[in-house]
Amino acid sequence: MVTDKLNEDKFGEMLGRALQSHSEPVPADFVERVLSRIEQAEQQRILARVVWQERLALAGCIVAGVLAIVAVAVFPDRIAEVLRSIAGGFTEQGKALVGRMTPAIDIEAVRSEWQFYTLLALVFGFAVYSLVDMLVGDRLRTA
């Protein structure tokens, strides 16, 4: 922030010298108006970039949804088999996990599968964060 102030001061000095050599009258707040216009132009560029990124993300979601619908309509047997295999994999992993669990938590099992539990905790945390942001995110930002 200090460098921005120094740059503004240098800009103001250079503009002031150039305007002093100019013969037409210049309003006193000319530098502030020019700097505010520059800042507004930069903010508009940033906002345009954000809007463009959001439009691309929305288009990607729409295209992915259309492709999923087309895939289900064209290859229903293959899609059903893939979904069954995914569900079967989760079921097998769940059965294996429940089979390894004892009434007391086995520290060795947790230690040997720490990557799985870390990933599970991260996914759960992201899901909770997304849910909270979706439900009360606007109210938190405006407060």
N, C-alpha and C. Protein backbone atom coordinates (compact mmCIF):
# COMPACT_ATOMS: atom_id res chain seq x y z
N MET A 1 0.81 -1.18 0.00
CA MET A 1 0.00 0.00 0.00
C MET A 1 0.87 1.26 0.00
N VAL A 2 2.04 1.19 0.64
CA VAL A 2 2.93 2.34 0.68
C VAL A 2 3.45 2.64 -0.72
N THR A 3 3.73 1.58 -1.49
CA THR A 3 4.22 1.79 -2.86
C THR A 3 3.16 2.43 -3.73
N ASP A 4 1.88 2.10 -3.49
CA ASP A 4 0.81 2.75 -4.24
C ASP A 4 0.78 4.24 -3.95
N LYS A 5 0.97 4.60 -2.69
CA LYS A 5 0.97 6.01 -2.31
C LYS A 5 2.16 6.72 -2.94
N LEU A 6 3.34 6.06 -2.96
CA LEU A 6 4.51 6.67 -3.59
C LEU A 6 4.28 6.85 -5.09
N ASN A 7 3.70 5.85 -5.73
CA ASN A 7 3.42 5.96 -7.16
C ASN A 7 2.42 7.07 -7.43
N GLU A 8 1.40 7.20 -6.58
CA GLU A 8 0.44 8.28 -6.75
C GLU A 8 1.12 9.63 -6.58
N ASP A 9 2.04 9.74 -5.60
CA ASP A 9 2.75 11.01 -5.39
C ASP A 9 3.60 11.34 -6.61
N LYS A 10 4.33 10.37 -7.13
CA LYS A 10 5.15 10.61 -8.32
C LYS A 10 4.28 10.99 -9.50
N PHE A 11 3.16 10.30 -9.66
CA PHE A 11 2.26 10.62 -10.74
C PHE A 11 1.72 12.03 -10.58
N GLY A 12 1.36 12.38 -9.35
CA GLY A 12 0.85 13.72 -9.09
C GLY A 12 1.90 14.79 -9.37
N GLU A 13 3.15 14.51 -8.98
CA GLU A 13 4.23 15.49 -9.23
C GLU A 13 4.47 15.65 -10.73
N MET A 14 4.55 14.54 -11.44
CA MET A 14 4.80 14.62 -12.88
C MET A 14 3.65 15.33 -13.59
N LEU A 15 2.42 15.00 -13.20
CA LEU A 15 1.27 15.63 -13.82
C LEU A 15 1.21 17.11 -13.46
N GLY A 16 1.54 17.43 -12.22
CA GLY A 16 1.55 18.83 -11.80
C GLY A 16 2.55 19.65 -12.59
N ARG A 17 3.77 19.10 -12.80
CA ARG A 17 4.77 19.83 -13.60
C ARG A 17 4.31 20.01 -15.03
N ALA A 18 3.71 18.96 -15.59
CA ALA A 18 3.23 19.06 -16.97
C ALA A 18 2.09 20.05 -17.09
N LEU A 19 1.23 20.10 -16.08
CA LEU A 19 0.10 21.03 -16.13
C LEU A 19 0.55 22.47 -15.88
N GLN A 20 1.62 22.66 -15.11
CA GLN A 20 2.13 24.01 -14.88
C GLN A 20 2.68 24.61 -16.16
N SER A 21 3.27 23.77 -16.99
CA SER A 21 3.79 24.29 -18.25
C SER A 21 2.67 24.50 -19.26
N HIS A 22 1.51 23.99 -18.97
CA HIS A 22 0.35 24.16 -19.84
C HIS A 22 -0.29 25.50 -19.54
N SER A 23 -0.81 26.16 -20.56
CA SER A 23 -1.32 27.53 -20.37
C SER A 23 -2.80 27.59 -20.01
N GLU A 24 -3.55 26.50 -20.15
CA GLU A 24 -4.97 26.54 -19.82
C GLU A 24 -5.19 26.28 -18.33
N PRO A 25 -6.26 26.85 -17.75
CA PRO A 25 -6.52 26.61 -16.32
C PRO A 25 -6.97 25.16 -16.09
N VAL A 26 -6.52 24.60 -14.95
CA VAL A 26 -6.83 23.22 -14.60
C VAL A 26 -7.48 23.23 -13.22
N PRO A 27 -8.56 22.46 -13.06
CA PRO A 27 -9.21 22.42 -11.75
C PRO A 27 -8.27 21.86 -10.68
N ALA A 28 -8.50 22.22 -9.44
CA ALA A 28 -7.61 21.82 -8.34
C ALA A 28 -7.65 20.31 -8.08
N ASP A 29 -8.78 19.67 -8.29
CA ASP A 29 -8.90 18.24 -8.00
C ASP A 29 -8.70 17.39 -9.25
N PHE A 30 -7.99 17.88 -10.23
CA PHE A 30 -7.79 17.18 -11.49
C PHE A 30 -7.07 15.85 -11.29
N VAL A 31 -6.02 15.84 -10.49
CA VAL A 31 -5.23 14.63 -10.26
C VAL A 31 -6.09 13.56 -9.57
N GLU A 32 -6.87 13.95 -8.58
CA GLU A 32 -7.72 13.00 -7.88
C GLU A 32 -8.75 12.39 -8.82
N ARG A 33 -9.30 13.23 -9.71
CA ARG A 33 -10.29 12.71 -10.66
C ARG A 33 -9.64 11.74 -11.64
N VAL A 34 -8.44 12.05 -12.11
CA VAL A 34 -7.75 11.16 -13.04
C VAL A 34 -7.43 9.84 -12.35
N LEU A 35 -6.92 9.90 -11.12
CA LEU A 35 -6.61 8.68 -10.38
C LEU A 35 -7.86 7.85 -10.10
N SER A 36 -8.96 8.52 -9.78
CA SER A 36 -10.19 7.76 -9.52
C SER A 36 -10.70 7.11 -10.80
N ARG A 37 -10.54 7.76 -11.94
CA ARG A 37 -10.95 7.15 -13.21
C ARG A 37 -10.07 5.95 -13.55
N ILE A 38 -8.79 6.07 -13.28
CA ILE A 38 -7.87 4.94 -13.50
C ILE A 38 -8.26 3.76 -12.61
N GLU A 39 -8.56 4.04 -11.35
CA GLU A 39 -8.95 2.99 -10.42
C GLU A 39 -10.28 2.35 -10.83
N GLN A 40 -11.23 3.17 -11.27
CA GLN A 40 -12.50 2.63 -11.73
C GLN A 40 -12.32 1.75 -12.96
N ALA A 41 -11.45 2.17 -13.89
CA ALA A 41 -11.19 1.36 -15.08
C ALA A 41 -10.58 0.02 -14.70
N GLU A 42 -9.66 0.02 -13.73
CA GLU A 42 -9.05 -1.23 -13.27
C GLU A 42 -10.07 -2.13 -12.61
N GLN A 43 -10.95 -1.56 -11.79
CA GLN A 43 -11.99 -2.35 -11.14
C GLN A 43 -12.95 -2.93 -12.17
N GLN A 44 -13.26 -2.18 -13.22
CA GLN A 44 -14.14 -2.69 -14.27
C GLN A 44 -13.48 -3.84 -15.03
N ARG A 45 -12.17 -3.75 -15.27
CA ARG A 45 -11.46 -4.85 -15.92
C ARG A 45 -11.50 -6.10 -15.06
N ILE A 46 -11.28 -5.94 -13.76
CA ILE A 46 -11.32 -7.09 -12.85
C ILE A 46 -12.72 -7.69 -12.82
N LEU A 47 -13.73 -6.85 -12.73
CA LEU A 47 -15.11 -7.33 -12.70
C LEU A 47 -15.46 -8.04 -14.01
N ALA A 48 -15.01 -7.51 -15.13
CA ALA A 48 -15.27 -8.16 -16.42
C ALA A 48 -14.61 -9.54 -16.47
N ARG A 49 -13.39 -9.66 -15.93
CA ARG A 49 -12.70 -10.95 -15.90
C ARG A 49 -13.45 -11.95 -15.03
N VAL A 50 -13.95 -11.51 -13.88
CA VAL A 50 -14.70 -12.39 -12.98
C VAL A 50 -16.00 -12.84 -13.65
N VAL A 51 -16.69 -11.92 -14.30
CA VAL A 51 -17.93 -12.27 -15.00
C VAL A 51 -17.64 -13.28 -16.10
N TRP A 52 -16.55 -13.08 -16.83
CA TRP A 52 -16.17 -14.02 -17.90
C TRP A 52 -15.89 -15.41 -17.32
N GLN A 53 -15.17 -15.48 -16.21
CA GLN A 53 -14.87 -16.76 -15.59
C GLN A 53 -16.14 -17.46 -15.12
N GLU A 54 -17.07 -16.70 -14.55
CA GLU A 54 -18.32 -17.30 -14.10
C GLU A 54 -19.15 -17.80 -15.27
N ARG A 55 -19.14 -17.06 -16.36
CA ARG A 55 -19.87 -17.52 -17.55
C ARG A 55 -19.25 -18.79 -18.11
N LEU A 56 -17.92 -18.87 -18.11
CA LEU A 56 -17.26 -20.09 -18.57
C LEU A 56 -17.60 -21.28 -17.67
N ALA A 57 -17.61 -21.04 -16.36
CA ALA A 57 -17.95 -22.12 -15.43
C ALA A 57 -19.39 -22.57 -15.63
N LEU A 58 -20.30 -21.63 -15.82
CA LEU A 58 -21.70 -21.99 -16.07
C LEU A 58 -21.83 -22.76 -17.37
N ALA A 59 -21.14 -22.31 -18.41
CA ALA A 59 -21.19 -23.02 -19.69
C ALA A 59 -20.63 -24.44 -19.54
N GLY A 60 -19.55 -24.59 -18.78
CA GLY A 60 -18.98 -25.91 -18.55
C GLY A 60 -19.95 -26.82 -17.82
N CYS A 61 -20.66 -26.29 -16.83
CA CYS A 61 -21.65 -27.10 -16.10
C CYS A 61 -22.79 -27.51 -17.02
N ILE A 62 -23.24 -26.59 -17.85
CA ILE A 62 -24.33 -26.91 -18.77
C ILE A 62 -23.89 -27.97 -19.77
N VAL A 63 -22.69 -27.81 -20.33
CA VAL A 63 -22.18 -28.79 -21.30
C VAL A 63 -22.00 -30.15 -20.64
N ALA A 64 -21.48 -30.18 -19.43
CA ALA A 64 -21.30 -31.46 -18.72
C ALA A 64 -22.66 -32.12 -18.47
N GLY A 65 -23.66 -31.34 -18.08
CA GLY A 65 -24.99 -31.89 -17.87
C GLY A 65 -25.61 -32.43 -19.15
N VAL A 66 -25.47 -31.69 -20.24
CA VAL A 66 -26.00 -32.15 -21.53
C VAL A 66 -25.29 -33.43 -21.97
N LEU A 67 -23.96 -33.46 -21.81
CA LEU A 67 -23.22 -34.67 -22.17
C LEU A 67 -23.64 -35.86 -21.32
N ALA A 68 -23.92 -35.64 -20.05
CA ALA A 68 -24.38 -36.73 -19.19
C ALA A 68 -25.74 -37.23 -19.64
N ILE A 69 -26.64 -36.32 -19.98
CA ILE A 69 -27.96 -36.72 -20.46
C ILE A 69 -27.86 -37.49 -21.77
N VAL A 70 -27.02 -37.00 -22.68
CA VAL A 70 -26.83 -37.69 -23.96
C VAL A 70 -26.22 -39.07 -23.73
N ALA A 71 -25.24 -39.16 -22.85
CA ALA A 71 -24.61 -40.45 -22.56
C ALA A 71 -25.62 -41.44 -21.98
N VAL A 72 -26.49 -40.98 -21.09
CA VAL A 72 -27.50 -41.87 -20.51
C VAL A 72 -28.51 -42.28 -21.57
N ALA A 73 -28.84 -41.36 -22.48
CA ALA A 73 -29.82 -41.69 -23.52
C ALA A 73 -29.23 -42.63 -24.56
N VAL A 74 -27.95 -42.47 -24.91
CA VAL A 74 -27.34 -43.26 -25.98
C VAL A 74 -26.77 -44.58 -25.46
N PHE A 75 -26.15 -44.56 -24.30
CA PHE A 75 -25.51 -45.75 -23.74
C PHE A 75 -26.09 -46.11 -22.37
N PRO A 76 -27.37 -46.40 -22.26
CA PRO A 76 -27.94 -46.62 -20.92
C PRO A 76 -27.38 -47.86 -20.23
N ASP A 77 -27.13 -48.94 -20.99
CA ASP A 77 -26.62 -50.16 -20.37
C ASP A 77 -25.20 -49.96 -19.85
N ARG A 78 -24.38 -49.30 -20.64
CA ARG A 78 -22.99 -49.09 -20.24
C ARG A 78 -22.91 -48.15 -19.03
N ILE A 79 -23.71 -47.10 -19.03
CA ILE A 79 -23.72 -46.15 -17.90
C ILE A 79 -24.21 -46.87 -16.64
N ALA A 80 -25.24 -47.67 -16.77
CA ALA A 80 -25.75 -48.41 -15.61
C ALA A 80 -24.69 -49.35 -15.06
N GLU A 81 -23.94 -50.00 -15.95
CA GLU A 81 -22.88 -50.91 -15.50
C GLU A 81 -21.76 -50.14 -14.78
N VAL A 82 -21.39 -48.99 -15.32
CA VAL A 82 -20.35 -48.17 -14.67
C VAL A 82 -20.81 -47.72 -13.29
N LEU A 83 -22.06 -47.26 -13.21
CA LEU A 83 -22.58 -46.82 -11.91
C LEU A 83 -22.67 -47.99 -10.92
N ARG A 84 -23.06 -49.17 -11.42
CA ARG A 84 -23.11 -50.35 -10.55
C ARG A 84 -21.71 -50.71 -10.04
N SER A 85 -20.72 -50.62 -10.92
CA SER A 85 -19.36 -50.96 -10.48
C SER A 85 -18.84 -49.94 -9.47
N ILE A 86 -19.18 -48.68 -9.67
CA ILE A 86 -18.77 -47.66 -8.68
C ILE A 86 -19.45 -47.92 -7.34
N ALA A 87 -20.75 -48.17 -7.39
CA ALA A 87 -21.48 -48.46 -6.14
C ALA A 87 -20.96 -49.74 -5.50
N GLY A 88 -20.64 -50.75 -6.32
CA GLY A 88 -20.09 -51.99 -5.77
C GLY A 88 -18.75 -51.76 -5.11
N GLY A 89 -17.93 -50.90 -5.72
CA GLY A 89 -16.64 -50.57 -5.11
C GLY A 89 -16.81 -49.89 -3.76
N PHE A 90 -17.76 -48.94 -3.68
CA PHE A 90 -18.02 -48.28 -2.41
C PHE A 90 -18.57 -49.28 -1.39
N THR A 91 -19.44 -50.17 -1.83
CA THR A 91 -20.01 -51.16 -0.93
C THR A 91 -18.93 -52.09 -0.39
N GLU A 92 -18.04 -52.54 -1.27
CA GLU A 92 -16.96 -53.42 -0.83
C GLU A 92 -16.03 -52.70 0.14
N GLN A 93 -15.68 -51.45 -0.17
CA GLN A 93 -14.82 -50.69 0.73
C GLN A 93 -15.50 -50.48 2.08
N GLY A 94 -16.81 -50.19 2.04
CA GLY A 94 -17.55 -50.01 3.29
C GLY A 94 -17.60 -51.27 4.12
N LYS A 95 -17.83 -52.40 3.47
CA LYS A 95 -17.85 -53.68 4.19
C LYS A 95 -16.48 -53.99 4.78
N ALA A 96 -15.44 -53.72 4.01
CA ALA A 96 -14.09 -53.96 4.51
C ALA A 96 -13.78 -53.04 5.69
N LEU A 97 -14.22 -51.79 5.60
CA LEU A 97 -13.98 -50.84 6.68
C LEU A 97 -14.74 -51.23 7.93
N VAL A 98 -16.00 -51.62 7.77
CA VAL A 98 -16.80 -52.03 8.93
C VAL A 98 -16.23 -53.32 9.51
N GLY A 99 -15.76 -54.24 8.63
CA GLY A 99 -15.17 -55.49 9.12
C GLY A 99 -13.91 -55.25 9.92
N ARG A 100 -13.14 -54.22 9.56
CA ARG A 100 -11.91 -53.95 10.30
C ARG A 100 -12.15 -53.20 11.59
N MET A 101 -13.28 -52.52 11.69
CA MET A 101 -13.55 -51.73 12.89
C MET A 101 -13.92 -52.66 14.05
N THR A 102 -13.45 -52.31 15.20
CA THR A 102 -13.79 -53.04 16.41
C THR A 102 -14.56 -52.08 17.31
N PRO A 103 -15.13 -52.56 18.41
CA PRO A 103 -15.84 -51.63 19.31
C PRO A 103 -14.95 -50.46 19.75
N ALA A 104 -13.70 -50.72 20.00
CA ALA A 104 -12.76 -49.64 20.30
C ALA A 104 -11.99 -49.36 19.01
N ILE A 105 -11.65 -48.12 18.78
CA ILE A 105 -10.95 -47.76 17.55
C ILE A 105 -9.55 -48.36 17.58
N ASP A 106 -9.24 -49.09 16.53
CA ASP A 106 -7.94 -49.72 16.41
C ASP A 106 -6.94 -48.69 15.86
N ILE A 107 -6.01 -48.28 16.68
CA ILE A 107 -5.05 -47.25 16.30
C ILE A 107 -4.19 -47.70 15.13
N GLU A 108 -3.84 -48.96 15.09
CA GLU A 108 -3.01 -49.46 14.00
C GLU A 108 -3.74 -49.39 12.66
N ALA A 109 -5.05 -49.68 12.66
CA ALA A 109 -5.83 -49.58 11.42
C ALA A 109 -5.92 -48.13 10.95
N VAL A 110 -6.11 -47.22 11.89
CA VAL A 110 -6.15 -45.80 11.53
C VAL A 110 -4.79 -45.35 11.04
N ARG A 111 -3.74 -45.80 11.67
CA ARG A 111 -2.39 -45.41 11.27
C ARG A 111 -2.06 -45.95 9.88
N SER A 112 -2.49 -47.16 9.58
CA SER A 112 -2.17 -47.73 8.28
C SER A 112 -3.01 -47.12 7.16
N GLU A 113 -4.19 -46.60 7.48
CA GLU A 113 -5.08 -46.01 6.47
C GLU A 113 -5.23 -44.50 6.68
N TRP A 114 -4.22 -43.81 7.14
CA TRP A 114 -4.34 -42.39 7.46
C TRP A 114 -4.63 -41.55 6.22
N GLN A 115 -4.14 -41.96 5.05
CA GLN A 115 -4.42 -41.19 3.84
C GLN A 115 -5.92 -41.22 3.54
N PHE A 116 -6.54 -42.38 3.69
CA PHE A 116 -7.97 -42.51 3.43
C PHE A 116 -8.77 -41.64 4.39
N TYR A 117 -8.43 -41.69 5.67
CA TYR A 117 -9.17 -40.91 6.66
C TYR A 117 -8.93 -39.40 6.47
N THR A 118 -7.73 -39.03 6.07
CA THR A 118 -7.46 -37.62 5.79
C THR A 118 -8.29 -37.13 4.61
N LEU A 119 -8.33 -37.92 3.55
CA LEU A 119 -9.14 -37.57 2.39
C LEU A 119 -10.61 -37.51 2.75
N LEU A 120 -11.07 -38.45 3.53
CA LEU A 120 -12.46 -38.46 3.98
C LEU A 120 -12.78 -37.22 4.80
N ALA A 121 -11.88 -36.83 5.68
CA ALA A 121 -12.09 -35.63 6.50
C ALA A 121 -12.10 -34.37 5.63
N LEU A 122 -11.23 -34.30 4.62
CA LEU A 122 -11.20 -33.15 3.73
C LEU A 122 -12.48 -33.04 2.91
N VAL A 123 -12.96 -34.16 2.40
CA VAL A 123 -14.20 -34.14 1.62
C VAL A 123 -15.37 -33.74 2.52
N PHE A 124 -15.43 -34.28 3.73
CA PHE A 124 -16.49 -33.91 4.66
C PHE A 124 -16.41 -32.43 5.03
N GLY A 125 -15.21 -31.94 5.28
CA GLY A 125 -15.04 -30.52 5.60
C GLY A 125 -15.46 -29.63 4.45
N PHE A 126 -15.10 -29.99 3.24
CA PHE A 126 -15.51 -29.20 2.08
C PHE A 126 -17.01 -29.22 1.90
N ALA A 127 -17.64 -30.38 2.13
CA ALA A 127 -19.09 -30.46 2.01
C ALA A 127 -19.78 -29.57 3.04
N VAL A 128 -19.29 -29.59 4.27
CA VAL A 128 -19.87 -28.74 5.31
C VAL A 128 -19.65 -27.27 4.98
N TYR A 129 -18.45 -26.91 4.53
CA TYR A 129 -18.16 -25.53 4.16
C TYR A 129 -19.08 -25.08 3.02
N SER A 130 -19.26 -25.91 2.01
CA SER A 130 -20.12 -25.56 0.87
C SER A 130 -21.56 -25.38 1.31
N LEU A 131 -22.03 -26.26 2.19
CA LEU A 131 -23.39 -26.16 2.68
C LEU A 131 -23.60 -24.87 3.48
N VAL A 132 -22.68 -24.56 4.36
CA VAL A 132 -22.80 -23.34 5.16
C VAL A 132 -22.71 -22.12 4.27
N ASP A 133 -21.80 -22.12 3.31
CA ASP A 133 -21.67 -20.99 2.39
C ASP A 133 -22.93 -20.82 1.56
N MET A 134 -23.54 -21.91 1.15
CA MET A 134 -24.75 -21.84 0.35
C MET A 134 -25.92 -21.31 1.16
N LEU A 135 -26.02 -21.73 2.43
CA LEU A 135 -27.17 -21.35 3.24
C LEU A 135 -27.04 -19.97 3.86
N VAL A 136 -25.88 -19.62 4.41
CA VAL A 136 -25.74 -18.35 5.11
C VAL A 136 -24.61 -17.49 4.58
N GLY A 137 -24.04 -17.82 3.45
CA GLY A 137 -22.89 -17.08 2.94
C GLY A 137 -23.19 -15.63 2.63
N ASP A 138 -24.36 -15.35 2.04
CA ASP A 138 -24.70 -13.97 1.70
C ASP A 138 -24.91 -13.13 2.94
N ARG A 139 -25.52 -13.71 3.95
CA ARG A 139 -25.74 -12.97 5.18
C ARG A 139 -24.44 -12.66 5.91
N LEU A 140 -23.47 -13.56 5.83
CA LEU A 140 -22.18 -13.32 6.49
C LEU A 140 -21.39 -12.24 5.78
N ARG A 141 -21.48 -12.18 4.46
CA ARG A 141 -20.71 -11.19 3.71
C ARG A 141 -21.26 -9.79 3.87
N THR A 142 -22.59 -9.65 4.02
CA THR A 142 -23.18 -8.32 4.13
C THR A 142 -23.11 -7.77 5.54
N ALA A 143 -22.89 -8.62 6.52
CA ALA A 143 -22.87 -8.16 7.91
C ALA A 143 -21.62 -7.37 8.21
